[in-house]
Amino acid sequence: MNLPNSITLTRIASVPLLIWVLSPHFPFRGIHGEQEAIASGLFILASITDGLDGYLARRRGQITTLGMLLDPLADKLMVTTAFILLVAYNPRVMPPWIAVLVIGREFLVTGLRSIAASEGFTIDASEIGKLKTVIQIVAVVAAILNHGWNSWNLWGFPVGVHLIAMVATYWMAVVSVISAVDYFVGFWRKIDHVSGRRRRRGAVLSRKKPVVEQKA
């Protein structure tokens, strides 16, 4: 078990921990915002490991089949868990339809990448997809913090936590749709190119006549 895969496993292990922290059984629930702060910190750390394990795997030359399986699994578990929990934890910010939209987008992209891999090509992460990931982190953290605070007063400047959570959540929904369309367009272009190349190869082979030996 190399270091990148170990980091990925810690992200998977953080999923049940996040469920416990945001559950009614958490011992520090509703006292002085400890529950919201711990859950936010846990999600941020898990999100950091998402980029760290891939960076280390490429830097150290430790890209393995196990890592290629665990990394997307950890990502989908974290995203799915966070949004399902937030629908119950803070429904005024995270309505069910947004959670379904975001989770559906994740499974759509996973399906497209699986088909692409079976066809012998890959779909690279686009800039829109990376933007979606950043907004998603902001939306989840803001929605968690908004459960305990509507606003903060930082050094005399009011910060609307609820406003940030609402804007980030709906902006994330819009970017998720755009990102899904972008992935689908990229997939369709490549699959169409692969199909066209196969048709041309088949046409060339069909024009070749078999050589028949003639008996003397």
N, C-alpha and C. Protein backbone atom coordinates (compact mmCIF):
# COMPACT_ATOMS: atom_id res chain seq x y z
N MET A 1 0.85 -1.19 0.00
CA MET A 1 0.00 0.00 0.00
C MET A 1 0.89 1.25 0.00
N ASN A 2 0.89 1.99 -1.11
CA ASN A 2 1.73 3.17 -1.20
C ASN A 2 1.05 4.37 -0.54
N LEU A 3 1.80 5.49 -0.49
CA LEU A 3 1.31 6.68 0.20
C LEU A 3 0.06 7.28 -0.46
N PRO A 4 0.02 7.46 -1.79
CA PRO A 4 -1.20 8.02 -2.39
C PRO A 4 -2.45 7.20 -2.10
N ASN A 5 -2.34 5.87 -2.19
CA ASN A 5 -3.50 5.03 -1.91
C ASN A 5 -3.91 5.10 -0.44
N SER A 6 -2.94 5.25 0.44
CA SER A 6 -3.25 5.39 1.87
C SER A 6 -4.02 6.68 2.13
N ILE A 7 -3.62 7.76 1.43
CA ILE A 7 -4.34 9.03 1.57
C ILE A 7 -5.76 8.89 1.05
N THR A 8 -5.92 8.18 -0.06
CA THR A 8 -7.26 7.96 -0.61
C THR A 8 -8.13 7.18 0.37
N LEU A 9 -7.53 6.19 1.05
CA LEU A 9 -8.28 5.41 2.04
C LEU A 9 -8.72 6.26 3.22
N THR A 10 -7.91 7.25 3.58
CA THR A 10 -8.32 8.14 4.67
C THR A 10 -9.55 8.96 4.27
N ARG A 11 -9.66 9.30 2.97
CA ARG A 11 -10.84 10.02 2.50
C ARG A 11 -12.08 9.13 2.59
N ILE A 12 -11.92 7.87 2.25
CA ILE A 12 -13.04 6.94 2.38
C ILE A 12 -13.41 6.76 3.85
N ALA A 13 -12.40 6.69 4.72
CA ALA A 13 -12.66 6.51 6.15
C ALA A 13 -13.34 7.74 6.76
N SER A 14 -13.16 8.91 6.14
CA SER A 14 -13.77 10.12 6.68
C SER A 14 -15.28 10.18 6.41
N VAL A 15 -15.79 9.33 5.51
CA VAL A 15 -17.21 9.35 5.18
C VAL A 15 -18.07 8.96 6.39
N PRO A 16 -17.83 7.79 7.04
CA PRO A 16 -18.64 7.48 8.24
C PRO A 16 -18.40 8.48 9.38
N LEU A 17 -17.20 9.06 9.42
CA LEU A 17 -16.92 10.06 10.45
C LEU A 17 -17.77 11.31 10.23
N LEU A 18 -17.91 11.72 8.98
CA LEU A 18 -18.74 12.88 8.65
C LEU A 18 -20.21 12.60 8.98
N ILE A 19 -20.66 11.39 8.71
CA ILE A 19 -22.04 11.02 9.05
C ILE A 19 -22.26 11.13 10.54
N TRP A 20 -21.29 10.67 11.33
CA TRP A 20 -21.43 10.73 12.79
C TRP A 20 -21.41 12.17 13.30
N VAL A 21 -20.51 12.99 12.75
CA VAL A 21 -20.39 14.38 13.23
C VAL A 21 -21.69 15.15 12.96
N LEU A 22 -22.33 14.90 11.83
CA LEU A 22 -23.55 15.63 11.48
C LEU A 22 -24.83 14.94 11.97
N SER A 23 -24.67 13.89 12.75
CA SER A 23 -25.84 13.17 13.26
C SER A 23 -26.32 13.77 14.58
N PRO A 24 -27.55 13.48 14.99
CA PRO A 24 -28.05 13.96 16.29
C PRO A 24 -27.32 13.34 17.48
N HIS A 25 -26.53 12.30 17.24
CA HIS A 25 -25.83 11.62 18.33
C HIS A 25 -24.46 12.21 18.62
N PHE A 26 -24.06 13.23 17.86
CA PHE A 26 -22.76 13.85 18.10
C PHE A 26 -22.80 14.56 19.45
N PRO A 27 -21.83 14.31 20.33
CA PRO A 27 -21.90 14.84 21.71
C PRO A 27 -21.84 16.35 21.82
N PHE A 28 -21.25 17.04 20.85
CA PHE A 28 -21.12 18.50 20.93
C PHE A 28 -22.15 19.21 20.07
N ARG A 29 -23.25 18.55 19.78
CA ARG A 29 -24.26 19.10 18.89
C ARG A 29 -24.98 20.29 19.53
N GLY A 30 -24.98 21.42 18.81
CA GLY A 30 -25.77 22.58 19.22
C GLY A 30 -25.30 23.30 20.46
N ILE A 31 -24.03 23.18 20.83
CA ILE A 31 -23.54 23.87 22.03
C ILE A 31 -23.01 25.26 21.65
N HIS A 32 -21.86 25.30 21.02
CA HIS A 32 -21.30 26.60 20.61
C HIS A 32 -20.80 26.53 19.17
N GLY A 33 -21.45 25.75 18.34
CA GLY A 33 -21.05 25.65 16.95
C GLY A 33 -19.93 24.65 16.70
N GLU A 34 -19.59 23.83 17.72
CA GLU A 34 -18.52 22.85 17.53
C GLU A 34 -18.86 21.85 16.42
N GLN A 35 -20.12 21.43 16.38
CA GLN A 35 -20.52 20.44 15.37
C GLN A 35 -20.28 20.97 13.96
N GLU A 36 -20.72 22.20 13.70
CA GLU A 36 -20.56 22.79 12.38
C GLU A 36 -19.09 23.00 12.03
N ALA A 37 -18.31 23.46 13.02
CA ALA A 37 -16.89 23.73 12.76
C ALA A 37 -16.13 22.44 12.49
N ILE A 38 -16.39 21.40 13.26
CA ILE A 38 -15.69 20.12 13.07
C ILE A 38 -16.08 19.50 11.73
N ALA A 39 -17.37 19.52 11.40
CA ALA A 39 -17.82 18.94 10.13
C ALA A 39 -17.22 19.70 8.94
N SER A 40 -17.18 21.02 9.03
CA SER A 40 -16.59 21.82 7.95
C SER A 40 -15.11 21.52 7.79
N GLY A 41 -14.40 21.48 8.90
CA GLY A 41 -12.97 21.17 8.84
C GLY A 41 -12.70 19.79 8.28
N LEU A 42 -13.53 18.82 8.67
CA LEU A 42 -13.37 17.46 8.17
C LEU A 42 -13.59 17.40 6.66
N PHE A 43 -14.61 18.09 6.17
CA PHE A 43 -14.89 18.07 4.73
C PHE A 43 -13.78 18.78 3.96
N ILE A 44 -13.26 19.87 4.49
CA ILE A 44 -12.17 20.59 3.81
C ILE A 44 -10.92 19.72 3.73
N LEU A 45 -10.58 19.04 4.83
CA LEU A 45 -9.41 18.16 4.81
C LEU A 45 -9.59 17.02 3.82
N ALA A 46 -10.78 16.44 3.79
CA ALA A 46 -11.05 15.36 2.84
C ALA A 46 -10.95 15.86 1.40
N SER A 47 -11.40 17.10 1.16
CA SER A 47 -11.32 17.67 -0.18
C SER A 47 -9.88 17.94 -0.59
N ILE A 48 -9.03 18.31 0.37
CA ILE A 48 -7.62 18.54 0.07
C ILE A 48 -6.94 17.23 -0.34
N THR A 49 -7.29 16.14 0.33
CA THR A 49 -6.69 14.85 -0.02
C THR A 49 -7.08 14.41 -1.42
N ASP A 50 -8.20 14.94 -1.94
CA ASP A 50 -8.65 14.58 -3.29
C ASP A 50 -7.60 14.98 -4.33
N GLY A 51 -7.01 16.15 -4.15
CA GLY A 51 -5.97 16.57 -5.09
C GLY A 51 -4.59 16.08 -4.70
N LEU A 52 -4.39 15.86 -3.39
CA LEU A 52 -3.06 15.47 -2.91
C LEU A 52 -2.68 14.07 -3.35
N ASP A 53 -3.62 13.13 -3.27
CA ASP A 53 -3.26 11.75 -3.62
C ASP A 53 -2.91 11.62 -5.10
N GLY A 54 -3.66 12.31 -5.97
CA GLY A 54 -3.34 12.26 -7.39
C GLY A 54 -2.00 12.92 -7.70
N TYR A 55 -1.72 14.05 -7.03
CA TYR A 55 -0.45 14.74 -7.25
C TYR A 55 0.73 13.86 -6.84
N LEU A 56 0.62 13.23 -5.67
CA LEU A 56 1.71 12.38 -5.18
C LEU A 56 1.88 11.14 -6.06
N ALA A 57 0.76 10.59 -6.53
CA ALA A 57 0.85 9.40 -7.38
C ALA A 57 1.60 9.71 -8.67
N ARG A 58 1.33 10.89 -9.27
CA ARG A 58 2.03 11.27 -10.49
C ARG A 58 3.48 11.64 -10.20
N ARG A 59 3.70 12.35 -9.11
CA ARG A 59 5.05 12.82 -8.77
C ARG A 59 5.98 11.65 -8.43
N ARG A 60 5.46 10.66 -7.72
CA ARG A 60 6.27 9.53 -7.27
C ARG A 60 6.21 8.34 -8.23
N GLY A 61 5.46 8.47 -9.31
CA GLY A 61 5.34 7.36 -10.24
C GLY A 61 4.64 6.16 -9.63
N GLN A 62 3.61 6.42 -8.82
CA GLN A 62 2.92 5.35 -8.11
C GLN A 62 1.45 5.25 -8.52
N ILE A 63 1.19 5.44 -9.79
CA ILE A 63 -0.16 5.28 -10.32
C ILE A 63 -0.44 3.79 -10.46
N THR A 64 -1.40 3.29 -9.71
CA THR A 64 -1.70 1.86 -9.69
C THR A 64 -3.16 1.62 -10.07
N THR A 65 -3.45 0.37 -10.39
CA THR A 65 -4.83 -0.01 -10.71
C THR A 65 -5.73 0.18 -9.50
N LEU A 66 -5.20 -0.15 -8.31
CA LEU A 66 -5.97 0.03 -7.08
C LEU A 66 -6.30 1.50 -6.86
N GLY A 67 -5.32 2.36 -7.10
CA GLY A 67 -5.55 3.80 -6.93
C GLY A 67 -6.57 4.33 -7.92
N MET A 68 -6.52 3.83 -9.16
CA MET A 68 -7.48 4.26 -10.18
C MET A 68 -8.90 3.83 -9.82
N LEU A 69 -9.02 2.76 -9.03
CA LEU A 69 -10.33 2.31 -8.58
C LEU A 69 -10.78 3.07 -7.34
N LEU A 70 -9.86 3.28 -6.39
CA LEU A 70 -10.24 3.88 -5.11
C LEU A 70 -10.51 5.38 -5.21
N ASP A 71 -9.75 6.09 -6.05
CA ASP A 71 -9.87 7.55 -6.10
C ASP A 71 -11.27 8.01 -6.53
N PRO A 72 -11.80 7.54 -7.66
CA PRO A 72 -13.17 7.96 -8.01
C PRO A 72 -14.22 7.45 -7.05
N LEU A 73 -13.96 6.26 -6.46
CA LEU A 73 -14.90 5.73 -5.46
C LEU A 73 -14.96 6.65 -4.24
N ALA A 74 -13.80 7.09 -3.77
CA ALA A 74 -13.75 8.00 -2.62
C ALA A 74 -14.44 9.32 -2.94
N ASP A 75 -14.23 9.85 -4.15
CA ASP A 75 -14.86 11.11 -4.54
C ASP A 75 -16.38 10.99 -4.53
N LYS A 76 -16.89 9.93 -5.13
CA LYS A 76 -18.35 9.76 -5.22
C LYS A 76 -18.96 9.54 -3.85
N LEU A 77 -18.26 8.81 -2.99
CA LEU A 77 -18.77 8.59 -1.63
C LEU A 77 -18.86 9.89 -0.85
N MET A 78 -17.81 10.73 -0.96
CA MET A 78 -17.79 11.99 -0.24
C MET A 78 -18.89 12.92 -0.73
N VAL A 79 -19.02 13.07 -2.05
CA VAL A 79 -20.02 13.98 -2.61
C VAL A 79 -21.43 13.50 -2.28
N THR A 80 -21.69 12.22 -2.52
CA THR A 80 -23.02 11.67 -2.26
C THR A 80 -23.40 11.80 -0.80
N THR A 81 -22.47 11.43 0.08
CA THR A 81 -22.74 11.51 1.52
C THR A 81 -23.01 12.94 1.97
N ALA A 82 -22.17 13.88 1.52
CA ALA A 82 -22.32 15.27 1.94
C ALA A 82 -23.67 15.85 1.54
N PHE A 83 -24.10 15.59 0.32
CA PHE A 83 -25.35 16.21 -0.16
C PHE A 83 -26.59 15.52 0.43
N ILE A 84 -26.52 14.22 0.63
CA ILE A 84 -27.64 13.54 1.28
C ILE A 84 -27.79 14.03 2.72
N LEU A 85 -26.67 14.18 3.41
CA LEU A 85 -26.71 14.68 4.79
C LEU A 85 -27.24 16.10 4.85
N LEU A 86 -26.83 16.94 3.91
CA LEU A 86 -27.24 18.34 3.95
C LEU A 86 -28.72 18.53 3.65
N VAL A 87 -29.31 17.62 2.89
CA VAL A 87 -30.76 17.72 2.63
C VAL A 87 -31.52 17.61 3.95
N ALA A 88 -31.03 16.78 4.86
CA ALA A 88 -31.68 16.64 6.17
C ALA A 88 -31.15 17.66 7.17
N TYR A 89 -29.87 18.02 7.05
CA TYR A 89 -29.23 18.88 8.04
C TYR A 89 -29.59 20.34 7.85
N ASN A 90 -29.65 20.81 6.61
CA ASN A 90 -29.97 22.21 6.34
C ASN A 90 -30.81 22.30 5.07
N PRO A 91 -32.07 21.85 5.12
CA PRO A 91 -32.90 21.81 3.91
C PRO A 91 -33.24 23.18 3.34
N ARG A 92 -33.16 24.24 4.13
CA ARG A 92 -33.48 25.57 3.60
C ARG A 92 -32.42 26.05 2.63
N VAL A 93 -31.22 25.48 2.70
CA VAL A 93 -30.14 25.82 1.78
C VAL A 93 -29.97 24.74 0.71
N MET A 94 -30.12 23.49 1.11
CA MET A 94 -29.87 22.38 0.20
C MET A 94 -31.17 21.62 -0.08
N PRO A 95 -31.98 22.06 -1.05
CA PRO A 95 -33.20 21.34 -1.39
C PRO A 95 -32.87 20.00 -2.05
N PRO A 96 -33.78 19.03 -1.96
CA PRO A 96 -33.48 17.70 -2.51
C PRO A 96 -33.15 17.70 -3.99
N TRP A 97 -33.80 18.58 -4.79
CA TRP A 97 -33.57 18.53 -6.23
C TRP A 97 -32.15 18.91 -6.61
N ILE A 98 -31.53 19.79 -5.83
CA ILE A 98 -30.13 20.14 -6.11
C ILE A 98 -29.22 18.97 -5.77
N ALA A 99 -29.51 18.27 -4.66
CA ALA A 99 -28.71 17.11 -4.31
C ALA A 99 -28.81 16.03 -5.38
N VAL A 100 -30.02 15.79 -5.88
CA VAL A 100 -30.21 14.80 -6.94
C VAL A 100 -29.48 15.22 -8.20
N LEU A 101 -29.53 16.51 -8.53
CA LEU A 101 -28.86 17.03 -9.72
C LEU A 101 -27.35 16.82 -9.64
N VAL A 102 -26.76 17.17 -8.51
CA VAL A 102 -25.30 17.06 -8.36
C VAL A 102 -24.87 15.60 -8.34
N ILE A 103 -25.59 14.77 -7.59
CA ILE A 103 -25.23 13.35 -7.51
C ILE A 103 -25.42 12.69 -8.88
N GLY A 104 -26.51 13.03 -9.57
CA GLY A 104 -26.73 12.49 -10.91
C GLY A 104 -25.63 12.88 -11.87
N ARG A 105 -25.15 14.12 -11.77
CA ARG A 105 -24.06 14.57 -12.62
C ARG A 105 -22.81 13.73 -12.37
N GLU A 106 -22.52 13.42 -11.10
CA GLU A 106 -21.35 12.63 -10.77
C GLU A 106 -21.42 11.24 -11.40
N PHE A 107 -22.58 10.61 -11.33
CA PHE A 107 -22.72 9.28 -11.90
C PHE A 107 -22.71 9.33 -13.43
N LEU A 108 -23.21 10.40 -14.01
CA LEU A 108 -23.16 10.56 -15.46
C LEU A 108 -21.72 10.62 -15.94
N VAL A 109 -20.92 11.44 -15.29
CA VAL A 109 -19.52 11.57 -15.68
C VAL A 109 -18.77 10.26 -15.49
N THR A 110 -19.06 9.56 -14.39
CA THR A 110 -18.43 8.26 -14.15
C THR A 110 -18.79 7.27 -15.25
N GLY A 111 -20.06 7.27 -15.65
CA GLY A 111 -20.49 6.38 -16.72
C GLY A 111 -19.80 6.69 -18.04
N LEU A 112 -19.71 7.98 -18.37
CA LEU A 112 -19.06 8.38 -19.62
C LEU A 112 -17.58 7.99 -19.62
N ARG A 113 -16.92 8.16 -18.47
CA ARG A 113 -15.50 7.79 -18.40
C ARG A 113 -15.32 6.28 -18.51
N SER A 114 -16.26 5.52 -17.96
CA SER A 114 -16.16 4.06 -18.06
C SER A 114 -16.31 3.61 -19.51
N ILE A 115 -17.27 4.19 -20.21
CA ILE A 115 -17.45 3.86 -21.62
C ILE A 115 -16.22 4.28 -22.43
N ALA A 116 -15.71 5.46 -22.13
CA ALA A 116 -14.52 5.95 -22.84
C ALA A 116 -13.34 5.01 -22.63
N ALA A 117 -13.16 4.54 -21.39
CA ALA A 117 -12.05 3.62 -21.11
C ALA A 117 -12.20 2.32 -21.88
N SER A 118 -13.44 1.83 -21.98
CA SER A 118 -13.67 0.58 -22.72
C SER A 118 -13.43 0.76 -24.21
N GLU A 119 -13.56 2.01 -24.69
CA GLU A 119 -13.34 2.30 -26.11
C GLU A 119 -11.90 2.71 -26.41
N GLY A 120 -11.09 2.80 -25.36
CA GLY A 120 -9.67 3.07 -25.57
C GLY A 120 -9.27 4.52 -25.55
N PHE A 121 -10.09 5.41 -24.98
CA PHE A 121 -9.68 6.82 -24.87
C PHE A 121 -10.13 7.35 -23.52
N THR A 122 -9.67 8.53 -23.17
CA THR A 122 -9.98 9.14 -21.88
C THR A 122 -10.64 10.50 -22.08
N ILE A 123 -11.36 10.93 -21.05
CA ILE A 123 -11.96 12.27 -21.04
C ILE A 123 -11.26 13.06 -19.94
N ASP A 124 -10.47 14.03 -20.31
CA ASP A 124 -9.73 14.82 -19.33
C ASP A 124 -10.66 15.77 -18.59
N ALA A 125 -10.30 16.05 -17.34
CA ALA A 125 -11.07 17.00 -16.54
C ALA A 125 -10.95 18.40 -17.16
N SER A 126 -12.09 19.04 -17.38
CA SER A 126 -12.10 20.36 -18.00
C SER A 126 -11.98 21.44 -16.94
N GLU A 127 -11.75 22.66 -17.38
CA GLU A 127 -11.66 23.79 -16.46
C GLU A 127 -13.01 24.02 -15.77
N ILE A 128 -14.10 23.76 -16.49
CA ILE A 128 -15.43 23.91 -15.89
C ILE A 128 -15.62 22.88 -14.77
N GLY A 129 -15.13 21.66 -15.00
CA GLY A 129 -15.21 20.63 -13.96
C GLY A 129 -14.42 21.00 -12.73
N LYS A 130 -13.25 21.59 -12.92
CA LYS A 130 -12.44 22.03 -11.78
C LYS A 130 -13.13 23.17 -11.03
N LEU A 131 -13.74 24.09 -11.79
CA LEU A 131 -14.49 25.18 -11.16
C LEU A 131 -15.66 24.64 -10.35
N LYS A 132 -16.33 23.63 -10.90
CA LYS A 132 -17.45 23.01 -10.19
C LYS A 132 -17.00 22.42 -8.87
N THR A 133 -15.82 21.81 -8.86
CA THR A 133 -15.30 21.20 -7.62
C THR A 133 -15.06 22.26 -6.55
N VAL A 134 -14.47 23.40 -6.95
CA VAL A 134 -14.20 24.48 -5.98
C VAL A 134 -15.51 25.04 -5.42
N ILE A 135 -16.46 25.33 -6.31
CA ILE A 135 -17.75 25.87 -5.86
C ILE A 135 -18.48 24.86 -4.98
N GLN A 136 -18.33 23.59 -5.31
CA GLN A 136 -18.97 22.54 -4.52
C GLN A 136 -18.45 22.52 -3.10
N ILE A 137 -17.14 22.67 -2.93
CA ILE A 137 -16.55 22.71 -1.59
C ILE A 137 -17.08 23.91 -0.81
N VAL A 138 -17.11 25.07 -1.47
CA VAL A 138 -17.62 26.29 -0.82
C VAL A 138 -19.08 26.11 -0.42
N ALA A 139 -19.88 25.53 -1.31
CA ALA A 139 -21.31 25.35 -1.04
C ALA A 139 -21.55 24.42 0.14
N VAL A 140 -20.83 23.30 0.17
CA VAL A 140 -21.01 22.34 1.28
C VAL A 140 -20.59 22.95 2.61
N VAL A 141 -19.43 23.57 2.63
CA VAL A 141 -18.93 24.16 3.88
C VAL A 141 -19.85 25.29 4.35
N ALA A 142 -20.29 26.15 3.42
CA ALA A 142 -21.18 27.25 3.80
C ALA A 142 -22.52 26.74 4.29
N ALA A 143 -23.05 25.67 3.66
CA ALA A 143 -24.32 25.11 4.10
C ALA A 143 -24.21 24.50 5.48
N ILE A 144 -23.09 23.88 5.79
CA ILE A 144 -22.88 23.33 7.13
C ILE A 144 -22.79 24.44 8.16
N LEU A 145 -21.98 25.46 7.87
CA LEU A 145 -21.81 26.56 8.82
C LEU A 145 -23.10 27.34 9.01
N ASN A 146 -23.91 27.45 7.96
CA ASN A 146 -25.16 28.19 8.04
C ASN A 146 -26.16 27.54 8.99
N HIS A 147 -25.95 26.27 9.29
CA HIS A 147 -26.81 25.59 10.27
C HIS A 147 -26.66 26.21 11.65
N GLY A 148 -25.47 26.76 11.92
CA GLY A 148 -25.23 27.36 13.23
C GLY A 148 -25.22 28.87 13.22
N TRP A 149 -24.94 29.47 12.07
CA TRP A 149 -24.83 30.93 12.00
C TRP A 149 -25.51 31.44 10.73
N ASN A 150 -26.25 32.54 10.85
CA ASN A 150 -26.78 33.23 9.68
C ASN A 150 -25.80 34.27 9.16
N SER A 151 -25.00 34.81 10.08
CA SER A 151 -24.00 35.81 9.68
C SER A 151 -22.91 35.86 10.72
N TRP A 152 -21.75 36.38 10.32
CA TRP A 152 -20.63 36.60 11.21
C TRP A 152 -20.28 38.09 11.21
N ASN A 153 -19.68 38.52 12.30
CA ASN A 153 -19.17 39.88 12.39
C ASN A 153 -17.65 39.79 12.57
N LEU A 154 -16.92 39.88 11.44
CA LEU A 154 -15.48 39.73 11.46
C LEU A 154 -14.81 41.09 11.40
N TRP A 155 -14.20 41.46 12.51
CA TRP A 155 -13.47 42.72 12.62
C TRP A 155 -14.35 43.91 12.19
N GLY A 156 -15.59 43.85 12.58
CA GLY A 156 -16.50 44.95 12.29
C GLY A 156 -17.19 44.87 10.94
N PHE A 157 -16.87 43.83 10.15
CA PHE A 157 -17.49 43.67 8.83
C PHE A 157 -18.48 42.50 8.87
N PRO A 158 -19.74 42.75 8.56
CA PRO A 158 -20.73 41.66 8.57
C PRO A 158 -20.52 40.72 7.38
N VAL A 159 -20.54 39.44 7.66
CA VAL A 159 -20.41 38.41 6.62
C VAL A 159 -21.67 37.56 6.64
N GLY A 160 -22.43 37.60 5.58
CA GLY A 160 -23.67 36.84 5.52
C GLY A 160 -23.42 35.39 5.15
N VAL A 161 -23.38 34.52 6.15
CA VAL A 161 -23.12 33.11 5.91
C VAL A 161 -24.27 32.49 5.11
N HIS A 162 -25.49 32.86 5.45
CA HIS A 162 -26.65 32.31 4.74
C HIS A 162 -26.64 32.75 3.27
N LEU A 163 -26.31 34.00 3.01
CA LEU A 163 -26.26 34.49 1.64
C LEU A 163 -25.19 33.77 0.84
N ILE A 164 -24.02 33.58 1.44
CA ILE A 164 -22.94 32.86 0.76
C ILE A 164 -23.36 31.43 0.44
N ALA A 165 -24.01 30.78 1.41
CA ALA A 165 -24.45 29.40 1.22
C ALA A 165 -25.47 29.29 0.09
N MET A 166 -26.42 30.21 0.05
CA MET A 166 -27.45 30.17 -0.99
C MET A 166 -26.86 30.43 -2.38
N VAL A 167 -26.03 31.47 -2.49
CA VAL A 167 -25.42 31.80 -3.78
C VAL A 167 -24.54 30.65 -4.26
N ALA A 168 -23.71 30.12 -3.37
CA ALA A 168 -22.80 29.04 -3.75
C ALA A 168 -23.57 27.78 -4.16
N THR A 169 -24.65 27.48 -3.45
CA THR A 169 -25.42 26.27 -3.75
C THR A 169 -26.08 26.35 -5.12
N TYR A 170 -26.74 27.46 -5.41
CA TYR A 170 -27.42 27.57 -6.70
C TYR A 170 -26.44 27.78 -7.85
N TRP A 171 -25.36 28.47 -7.59
CA TRP A 171 -24.33 28.62 -8.61
C TRP A 171 -23.69 27.27 -8.91
N MET A 172 -23.52 26.44 -7.87
CA MET A 172 -22.98 25.11 -8.06
C MET A 172 -23.91 24.27 -8.93
N ALA A 173 -25.23 24.41 -8.73
CA ALA A 173 -26.19 23.66 -9.54
C ALA A 173 -26.07 24.05 -11.02
N VAL A 174 -25.93 25.34 -11.29
CA VAL A 174 -25.79 25.81 -12.67
C VAL A 174 -24.50 25.28 -13.29
N VAL A 175 -23.41 25.41 -12.57
CA VAL A 175 -22.11 24.96 -13.09
C VAL A 175 -22.10 23.44 -13.27
N SER A 176 -22.79 22.71 -12.41
CA SER A 176 -22.86 21.25 -12.54
C SER A 176 -23.53 20.86 -13.85
N VAL A 177 -24.60 21.56 -14.21
CA VAL A 177 -25.28 21.28 -15.48
C VAL A 177 -24.37 21.60 -16.65
N ILE A 178 -23.72 22.78 -16.60
CA ILE A 178 -22.81 23.17 -17.69
C ILE A 178 -21.66 22.17 -17.80
N SER A 179 -21.13 21.74 -16.66
CA SER A 179 -20.03 20.78 -16.67
C SER A 179 -20.46 19.44 -17.25
N ALA A 180 -21.68 18.99 -16.90
CA ALA A 180 -22.19 17.72 -17.44
C ALA A 180 -22.32 17.79 -18.95
N VAL A 181 -22.85 18.91 -19.45
CA VAL A 181 -22.98 19.09 -20.91
C VAL A 181 -21.61 19.11 -21.56
N ASP A 182 -20.65 19.78 -20.91
CA ASP A 182 -19.29 19.87 -21.45
C ASP A 182 -18.65 18.49 -21.55
N TYR A 183 -18.80 17.68 -20.50
CA TYR A 183 -18.26 16.32 -20.52
C TYR A 183 -18.92 15.49 -21.62
N PHE A 184 -20.25 15.64 -21.75
CA PHE A 184 -20.97 14.85 -22.75
C PHE A 184 -20.54 15.23 -24.17
N VAL A 185 -20.37 16.52 -24.41
CA VAL A 185 -19.92 16.98 -25.73
C VAL A 185 -18.53 16.45 -26.04
N GLY A 186 -17.63 16.54 -25.04
CA GLY A 186 -16.28 16.01 -25.22
C GLY A 186 -16.28 14.51 -25.48
N PHE A 187 -17.13 13.79 -24.75
CA PHE A 187 -17.26 12.35 -24.95
C PHE A 187 -17.79 12.04 -26.34
N TRP A 188 -18.82 12.77 -26.77
CA TRP A 188 -19.45 12.49 -28.06
C TRP A 188 -18.50 12.73 -29.22
N ARG A 189 -17.70 13.79 -29.12
CA ARG A 189 -16.73 14.07 -30.18
C ARG A 189 -15.70 12.96 -30.30
N LYS A 190 -15.22 12.47 -29.15
CA LYS A 190 -14.20 11.44 -29.19
C LYS A 190 -14.77 10.10 -29.63
N ILE A 191 -15.95 9.76 -29.16
CA ILE A 191 -16.56 8.48 -29.55
C ILE A 191 -16.92 8.50 -31.02
N ASP A 192 -17.35 9.67 -31.52
CA ASP A 192 -17.66 9.80 -32.94
C ASP A 192 -16.40 9.67 -33.78
N HIS A 193 -15.28 10.22 -33.26
CA HIS A 193 -14.01 10.11 -33.97
C HIS A 193 -13.55 8.66 -34.01
N VAL A 194 -13.67 7.97 -32.88
CA VAL A 194 -13.26 6.56 -32.82
C VAL A 194 -14.13 5.71 -33.74
N SER A 195 -15.44 5.96 -33.76
CA SER A 195 -16.34 5.21 -34.62
C SER A 195 -16.03 5.46 -36.10
N GLY A 196 -15.74 6.72 -36.45
CA GLY A 196 -15.39 7.04 -37.83
C GLY A 196 -14.11 6.36 -38.26
N ARG A 197 -13.14 6.32 -37.37
CA ARG A 197 -11.87 5.66 -37.69
C ARG A 197 -12.07 4.17 -37.91
N ARG A 198 -12.95 3.56 -37.09
CA ARG A 198 -13.22 2.14 -37.26
C ARG A 198 -13.95 1.87 -38.57
N ARG A 199 -14.89 2.76 -38.95
CA ARG A 199 -15.59 2.58 -40.21
C ARG A 199 -14.65 2.68 -41.40
N ARG A 200 -13.71 3.63 -41.34
CA ARG A 200 -12.75 3.78 -42.43
C ARG A 200 -11.83 2.57 -42.52
N ARG A 201 -11.41 2.05 -41.35
CA ARG A 201 -10.57 0.87 -41.35
C ARG A 201 -11.31 -0.33 -41.92
N GLY A 202 -12.60 -0.46 -41.57
CA GLY A 202 -13.40 -1.56 -42.09
C GLY A 202 -13.60 -1.47 -43.58
N ALA A 203 -13.76 -0.24 -44.08
CA ALA A 203 -13.94 -0.06 -45.51
C ALA A 203 -12.67 -0.42 -46.27
N VAL A 204 -11.51 -0.06 -45.72
CA VAL A 204 -10.24 -0.39 -46.36
C VAL A 204 -10.05 -1.90 -46.42
N LEU A 205 -10.35 -2.58 -45.31
CA LEU A 205 -10.17 -4.03 -45.27
C LEU A 205 -11.12 -4.74 -46.23
N SER A 206 -12.34 -4.18 -46.36
CA SER A 206 -13.32 -4.83 -47.23
C SER A 206 -12.95 -4.72 -48.71
N ARG A 207 -12.15 -3.69 -49.06
CA ARG A 207 -11.74 -3.51 -50.45
C ARG A 207 -10.58 -4.42 -50.84
N LYS A 208 -9.91 -4.96 -49.84
CA LYS A 208 -8.79 -5.84 -50.14
C LYS A 208 -9.31 -7.20 -50.58
N LYS A 209 -8.87 -7.68 -51.75
CA LYS A 209 -9.33 -8.96 -52.25
C LYS A 209 -8.38 -10.06 -51.80
N PRO A 210 -8.91 -11.17 -51.42
CA PRO A 210 -8.04 -12.27 -51.00
C PRO A 210 -7.25 -12.83 -52.18
N VAL A 211 -6.04 -13.22 -51.94
CA VAL A 211 -5.16 -13.78 -52.97
C VAL A 211 -5.47 -15.27 -53.09
N VAL A 212 -5.86 -15.71 -54.29
CA VAL A 212 -6.21 -17.12 -54.53
C VAL A 212 -5.11 -17.75 -55.35
N GLU A 213 -4.53 -18.80 -54.84
CA GLU A 213 -3.48 -19.50 -55.56
C GLU A 213 -4.08 -20.34 -56.69
N GLN A 214 -3.54 -20.24 -57.87
CA GLN A 214 -4.01 -21.02 -59.02
C GLN A 214 -3.13 -22.26 -59.20
N LYS A 215 -3.79 -23.35 -59.42
CA LYS A 215 -3.05 -24.60 -59.63
C LYS A 215 -2.52 -24.66 -61.06
N ALA A 216 -1.35 -25.15 -61.20
CA ALA A 216 -0.74 -25.25 -62.52
C ALA A 216 -1.41 -26.36 -63.33
